[in-house]
Amino acid sequence: SDMKSDDDRREQFLTHLSGCELPLRAFICGALAAVSEREDLFQEVVYTLWRTYDRYDGARPFLPWAMGVAVRRTKEEYRRSSRRPGLAAAGRRPDQGAILPD
């Protein structure tokens, strides 16, 4: 019956995720200018949601919890990308030392 509960858990997670995929993707699209990084970040958010799903309180709406995870992962991505030359210089984060034209 562990197998059944794992299947139920997976099914429940996928149901929750399908109900909030569009708002999550919209948030990520608005947060990241680099199109190539959006899908990677979305996949990281989904992985984090799945890995931490046991912490989700099923009595509460899923979307706010998922968005909280997305916000944290996005902030982590900003910190990581600010250390890589090119992304900041491309104007993603002028506050992170980008060289701006005169």
N, C-alpha and C. Protein backbone atom coordinates (compact mmCIF):
# COMPACT_ATOMS: atom_id res chain seq x y z
N SER A 1 0.80 -1.21 0.00
CA SER A 1 0.00 0.00 0.00
C SER A 1 0.84 1.27 0.00
N ASP A 2 2.15 1.13 0.28
CA ASP A 2 3.04 2.27 0.10
C ASP A 2 3.05 2.71 -1.35
N MET A 3 2.99 1.70 -2.25
CA MET A 3 2.96 2.00 -3.68
C MET A 3 1.70 2.79 -4.02
N LYS A 4 0.58 2.40 -3.46
CA LYS A 4 -0.69 3.10 -3.70
C LYS A 4 -0.61 4.53 -3.16
N SER A 5 -0.07 4.71 -1.95
CA SER A 5 0.00 6.05 -1.40
C SER A 5 0.97 6.92 -2.21
N ASP A 6 2.06 6.35 -2.72
CA ASP A 6 2.97 7.10 -3.59
C ASP A 6 2.26 7.52 -4.87
N ASP A 7 1.48 6.60 -5.45
CA ASP A 7 0.71 6.93 -6.65
C ASP A 7 -0.31 8.02 -6.37
N ASP A 8 -0.99 7.91 -5.24
CA ASP A 8 -1.98 8.93 -4.85
C ASP A 8 -1.32 10.29 -4.65
N ARG A 9 -0.17 10.27 -3.99
CA ARG A 9 0.57 11.50 -3.73
C ARG A 9 0.98 12.14 -5.05
N ARG A 10 1.52 11.35 -5.95
CA ARG A 10 1.95 11.86 -7.26
C ARG A 10 0.76 12.43 -8.02
N GLU A 11 -0.34 11.70 -8.02
CA GLU A 11 -1.55 12.16 -8.73
C GLU A 11 -2.07 13.47 -8.14
N GLN A 12 -2.07 13.55 -6.81
CA GLN A 12 -2.53 14.77 -6.14
C GLN A 12 -1.61 15.95 -6.48
N PHE A 13 -0.30 15.70 -6.46
CA PHE A 13 0.66 16.75 -6.80
C PHE A 13 0.44 17.24 -8.23
N LEU A 14 0.31 16.32 -9.16
CA LEU A 14 0.13 16.70 -10.57
C LEU A 14 -1.17 17.47 -10.78
N THR A 15 -2.20 17.11 -10.04
CA THR A 15 -3.46 17.84 -10.11
C THR A 15 -3.27 19.28 -9.62
N HIS A 16 -2.60 19.42 -8.47
CA HIS A 16 -2.31 20.76 -7.96
C HIS A 16 -1.46 21.56 -8.95
N LEU A 17 -0.43 20.93 -9.46
CA LEU A 17 0.48 21.62 -10.37
C LEU A 17 -0.24 22.07 -11.64
N SER A 18 -1.07 21.21 -12.19
CA SER A 18 -1.77 21.58 -13.43
C SER A 18 -2.68 22.77 -13.22
N GLY A 19 -3.18 22.94 -12.00
CA GLY A 19 -4.05 24.07 -11.70
C GLY A 19 -3.33 25.39 -11.54
N CYS A 20 -2.00 25.34 -11.42
CA CYS A 20 -1.28 26.61 -11.22
C CYS A 20 -0.09 26.75 -12.16
N GLU A 21 0.02 25.90 -13.16
CA GLU A 21 1.16 25.99 -14.08
C GLU A 21 1.20 27.34 -14.80
N LEU A 22 0.06 27.80 -15.30
CA LEU A 22 0.06 29.07 -16.05
C LEU A 22 0.48 30.26 -15.20
N PRO A 23 -0.08 30.44 -13.99
CA PRO A 23 0.39 31.57 -13.18
C PRO A 23 1.87 31.45 -12.81
N LEU A 24 2.35 30.24 -12.56
CA LEU A 24 3.78 30.06 -12.25
C LEU A 24 4.64 30.47 -13.44
N ARG A 25 4.25 29.99 -14.63
CA ARG A 25 5.01 30.33 -15.84
C ARG A 25 4.95 31.84 -16.11
N ALA A 26 3.80 32.45 -15.89
CA ALA A 26 3.66 33.89 -16.10
C ALA A 26 4.58 34.67 -15.16
N PHE A 27 4.62 34.24 -13.91
CA PHE A 27 5.51 34.89 -12.94
C PHE A 27 6.96 34.79 -13.40
N ILE A 28 7.37 33.58 -13.79
CA ILE A 28 8.75 33.35 -14.21
C ILE A 28 9.07 34.16 -15.47
N CYS A 29 8.14 34.23 -16.41
CA CYS A 29 8.35 35.02 -17.62
C CYS A 29 8.54 36.50 -17.29
N GLY A 30 7.79 36.99 -16.33
CA GLY A 30 7.93 38.38 -15.92
C GLY A 30 9.20 38.64 -15.14
N ALA A 31 9.71 37.60 -14.49
CA ALA A 31 10.88 37.78 -13.62
C ALA A 31 12.20 37.61 -14.36
N LEU A 32 12.21 36.82 -15.41
CA LEU A 32 13.46 36.54 -16.13
C LEU A 32 13.38 37.07 -17.55
N ALA A 33 14.35 37.88 -17.90
CA ALA A 33 14.39 38.42 -19.26
C ALA A 33 14.90 37.37 -20.24
N ALA A 34 15.81 36.52 -19.80
CA ALA A 34 16.45 35.54 -20.69
C ALA A 34 15.50 34.37 -20.94
N VAL A 35 14.96 34.31 -22.14
CA VAL A 35 14.01 33.26 -22.51
C VAL A 35 14.61 31.89 -22.26
N SER A 36 15.88 31.73 -22.55
CA SER A 36 16.53 30.43 -22.41
C SER A 36 16.55 29.93 -20.97
N GLU A 37 16.42 30.83 -20.00
CA GLU A 37 16.47 30.43 -18.60
C GLU A 37 15.10 30.17 -17.99
N ARG A 38 14.05 30.60 -18.67
CA ARG A 38 12.71 30.48 -18.10
C ARG A 38 12.30 29.03 -17.87
N GLU A 39 12.48 28.17 -18.87
CA GLU A 39 12.08 26.77 -18.73
C GLU A 39 12.92 26.08 -17.67
N ASP A 40 14.22 26.40 -17.63
CA ASP A 40 15.08 25.80 -16.60
C ASP A 40 14.58 26.16 -15.21
N LEU A 41 14.25 27.44 -15.02
CA LEU A 41 13.77 27.86 -13.71
C LEU A 41 12.42 27.21 -13.39
N PHE A 42 11.54 27.13 -14.39
CA PHE A 42 10.25 26.47 -14.15
C PHE A 42 10.47 25.03 -13.69
N GLN A 43 11.37 24.32 -14.36
CA GLN A 43 11.65 22.94 -13.98
C GLN A 43 12.24 22.85 -12.57
N GLU A 44 13.09 23.80 -12.22
CA GLU A 44 13.64 23.83 -10.87
C GLU A 44 12.55 24.07 -9.84
N VAL A 45 11.62 24.96 -10.16
CA VAL A 45 10.50 25.24 -9.25
C VAL A 45 9.65 23.98 -9.08
N VAL A 46 9.33 23.31 -10.17
CA VAL A 46 8.51 22.08 -10.09
C VAL A 46 9.24 21.03 -9.26
N TYR A 47 10.53 20.87 -9.50
CA TYR A 47 11.31 19.90 -8.73
C TYR A 47 11.28 20.24 -7.24
N THR A 48 11.46 21.52 -6.91
CA THR A 48 11.44 21.95 -5.52
C THR A 48 10.06 21.72 -4.91
N LEU A 49 9.00 22.02 -5.67
CA LEU A 49 7.64 21.78 -5.18
C LEU A 49 7.44 20.30 -4.87
N TRP A 50 7.89 19.43 -5.76
CA TRP A 50 7.72 17.98 -5.56
C TRP A 50 8.54 17.52 -4.35
N ARG A 51 9.78 18.00 -4.27
CA ARG A 51 10.68 17.57 -3.20
C ARG A 51 10.15 18.01 -1.83
N THR A 52 9.46 19.14 -1.79
CA THR A 52 8.98 19.69 -0.51
C THR A 52 7.47 19.53 -0.34
N TYR A 53 6.86 18.72 -1.18
CA TYR A 53 5.39 18.58 -1.17
C TYR A 53 4.86 18.10 0.18
N ASP A 54 5.64 17.35 0.90
CA ASP A 54 5.21 16.88 2.23
C ASP A 54 4.98 18.05 3.19
N ARG A 55 5.60 19.17 2.92
CA ARG A 55 5.43 20.36 3.78
C ARG A 55 4.19 21.18 3.43
N TYR A 56 3.60 20.89 2.28
CA TYR A 56 2.41 21.63 1.86
C TYR A 56 1.22 21.25 2.75
N ASP A 57 0.53 22.25 3.26
CA ASP A 57 -0.67 22.06 4.08
C ASP A 57 -1.87 21.98 3.15
N GLY A 58 -2.38 20.77 2.97
CA GLY A 58 -3.48 20.52 2.05
C GLY A 58 -4.77 21.26 2.37
N ALA A 59 -4.86 21.84 3.58
CA ALA A 59 -6.05 22.60 3.94
C ALA A 59 -6.00 24.01 3.36
N ARG A 60 -4.85 24.39 2.83
CA ARG A 60 -4.68 25.73 2.27
C ARG A 60 -4.58 25.66 0.75
N PRO A 61 -4.82 26.78 0.06
CA PRO A 61 -4.70 26.78 -1.40
C PRO A 61 -3.25 26.49 -1.83
N PHE A 62 -3.11 25.75 -2.90
CA PHE A 62 -1.80 25.35 -3.40
C PHE A 62 -1.04 26.51 -4.05
N LEU A 63 -1.74 27.33 -4.82
CA LEU A 63 -1.07 28.38 -5.60
C LEU A 63 -0.22 29.32 -4.75
N PRO A 64 -0.72 29.87 -3.64
CA PRO A 64 0.14 30.76 -2.86
C PRO A 64 1.41 30.07 -2.35
N TRP A 65 1.28 28.81 -1.96
CA TRP A 65 2.44 28.06 -1.52
C TRP A 65 3.43 27.88 -2.67
N ALA A 66 2.91 27.50 -3.83
CA ALA A 66 3.76 27.29 -5.00
C ALA A 66 4.43 28.60 -5.44
N MET A 67 3.70 29.70 -5.38
CA MET A 67 4.27 30.99 -5.75
C MET A 67 5.38 31.39 -4.78
N GLY A 68 5.19 31.08 -3.51
CA GLY A 68 6.25 31.36 -2.53
C GLY A 68 7.53 30.64 -2.90
N VAL A 69 7.40 29.38 -3.30
CA VAL A 69 8.57 28.61 -3.75
C VAL A 69 9.16 29.25 -4.99
N ALA A 70 8.32 29.65 -5.94
CA ALA A 70 8.81 30.27 -7.18
C ALA A 70 9.55 31.57 -6.89
N VAL A 71 9.04 32.37 -5.96
CA VAL A 71 9.70 33.63 -5.60
C VAL A 71 11.08 33.35 -5.01
N ARG A 72 11.15 32.39 -4.09
CA ARG A 72 12.45 32.06 -3.49
C ARG A 72 13.44 31.55 -4.53
N ARG A 73 12.99 30.67 -5.42
CA ARG A 73 13.88 30.13 -6.45
C ARG A 73 14.33 31.23 -7.41
N THR A 74 13.42 32.18 -7.71
CA THR A 74 13.77 33.29 -8.60
C THR A 74 14.82 34.18 -7.95
N LYS A 75 14.66 34.45 -6.66
CA LYS A 75 15.67 35.25 -5.94
C LYS A 75 17.02 34.55 -5.96
N GLU A 76 17.01 33.24 -5.79
CA GLU A 76 18.26 32.48 -5.85
C GLU A 76 18.88 32.59 -7.24
N GLU A 77 18.05 32.54 -8.26
CA GLU A 77 18.55 32.68 -9.64
C GLU A 77 19.13 34.06 -9.87
N TYR A 78 18.49 35.10 -9.34
CA TYR A 78 19.03 36.46 -9.45
C TYR A 78 20.41 36.54 -8.81
N ARG A 79 20.53 35.98 -7.61
CA ARG A 79 21.82 36.01 -6.93
C ARG A 79 22.88 35.28 -7.74
N ARG A 80 22.50 34.11 -8.27
CA ARG A 80 23.44 33.32 -9.06
C ARG A 80 23.82 34.06 -10.34
N SER A 81 22.83 34.61 -11.04
CA SER A 81 23.10 35.26 -12.32
C SER A 81 23.87 36.57 -12.15
N SER A 82 23.74 37.21 -11.01
CA SER A 82 24.46 38.47 -10.80
C SER A 82 25.95 38.23 -10.68
N ARG A 83 26.34 36.99 -10.42
CA ARG A 83 27.76 36.65 -10.33
C ARG A 83 28.32 36.22 -11.68
N ARG A 84 27.44 36.04 -12.67
CA ARG A 84 27.91 35.62 -14.00
C ARG A 84 27.97 36.83 -14.91
N PRO A 85 29.12 37.09 -15.51
CA PRO A 85 29.18 38.21 -16.45
C PRO A 85 28.28 37.94 -17.64
N GLY A 86 27.75 38.96 -18.22
CA GLY A 86 26.92 38.79 -19.40
C GLY A 86 25.46 39.01 -19.10
N LEU A 87 24.94 38.32 -18.10
CA LEU A 87 23.53 38.49 -17.78
C LEU A 87 23.29 39.87 -17.18
N ALA A 88 24.11 40.25 -16.22
CA ALA A 88 23.97 41.59 -15.65
C ALA A 88 24.30 42.65 -16.71
N ALA A 89 25.33 42.37 -17.49
CA ALA A 89 25.72 43.33 -18.52
C ALA A 89 24.66 43.46 -19.60
N ALA A 90 23.82 42.43 -19.74
CA ALA A 90 22.75 42.50 -20.73
C ALA A 90 21.58 43.33 -20.22
N GLY A 91 21.72 43.89 -19.03
CA GLY A 91 20.69 44.78 -18.51
C GLY A 91 19.69 44.08 -17.62
N ARG A 92 19.92 42.83 -17.28
CA ARG A 92 18.99 42.12 -16.41
C ARG A 92 18.91 42.77 -15.04
N ARG A 93 20.09 43.11 -14.49
CA ARG A 93 20.12 43.64 -13.14
C ARG A 93 21.07 44.84 -13.07
N PRO A 94 20.64 46.00 -13.53
CA PRO A 94 21.54 47.15 -13.50
C PRO A 94 22.04 47.45 -12.09
N ASP A 95 21.26 47.07 -11.07
CA ASP A 95 21.69 47.31 -9.70
C ASP A 95 22.79 46.33 -9.28
N GLN A 96 23.12 45.39 -10.12
CA GLN A 96 24.13 44.39 -9.79
C GLN A 96 25.41 44.61 -10.59
N GLY A 97 25.70 45.84 -10.94
CA GLY A 97 26.98 46.16 -11.54
C GLY A 97 27.04 46.08 -13.06
N ALA A 98 25.90 46.17 -13.72
CA ALA A 98 25.92 46.17 -15.19
C ALA A 98 26.58 47.46 -15.68
N ILE A 99 27.25 47.35 -16.79
CA ILE A 99 27.84 48.53 -17.42
C ILE A 99 26.79 49.11 -18.35
N LEU A 100 26.32 50.29 -18.03
CA LEU A 100 25.26 50.91 -18.81
C LEU A 100 25.86 51.93 -19.77
N PRO A 101 25.30 52.03 -20.97
CA PRO A 101 25.81 53.01 -21.94
C PRO A 101 25.57 54.43 -21.44
N ASP A 102 26.42 55.35 -21.87
CA ASP A 102 26.27 56.78 -21.50
C ASP A 102 25.06 57.39 -22.15
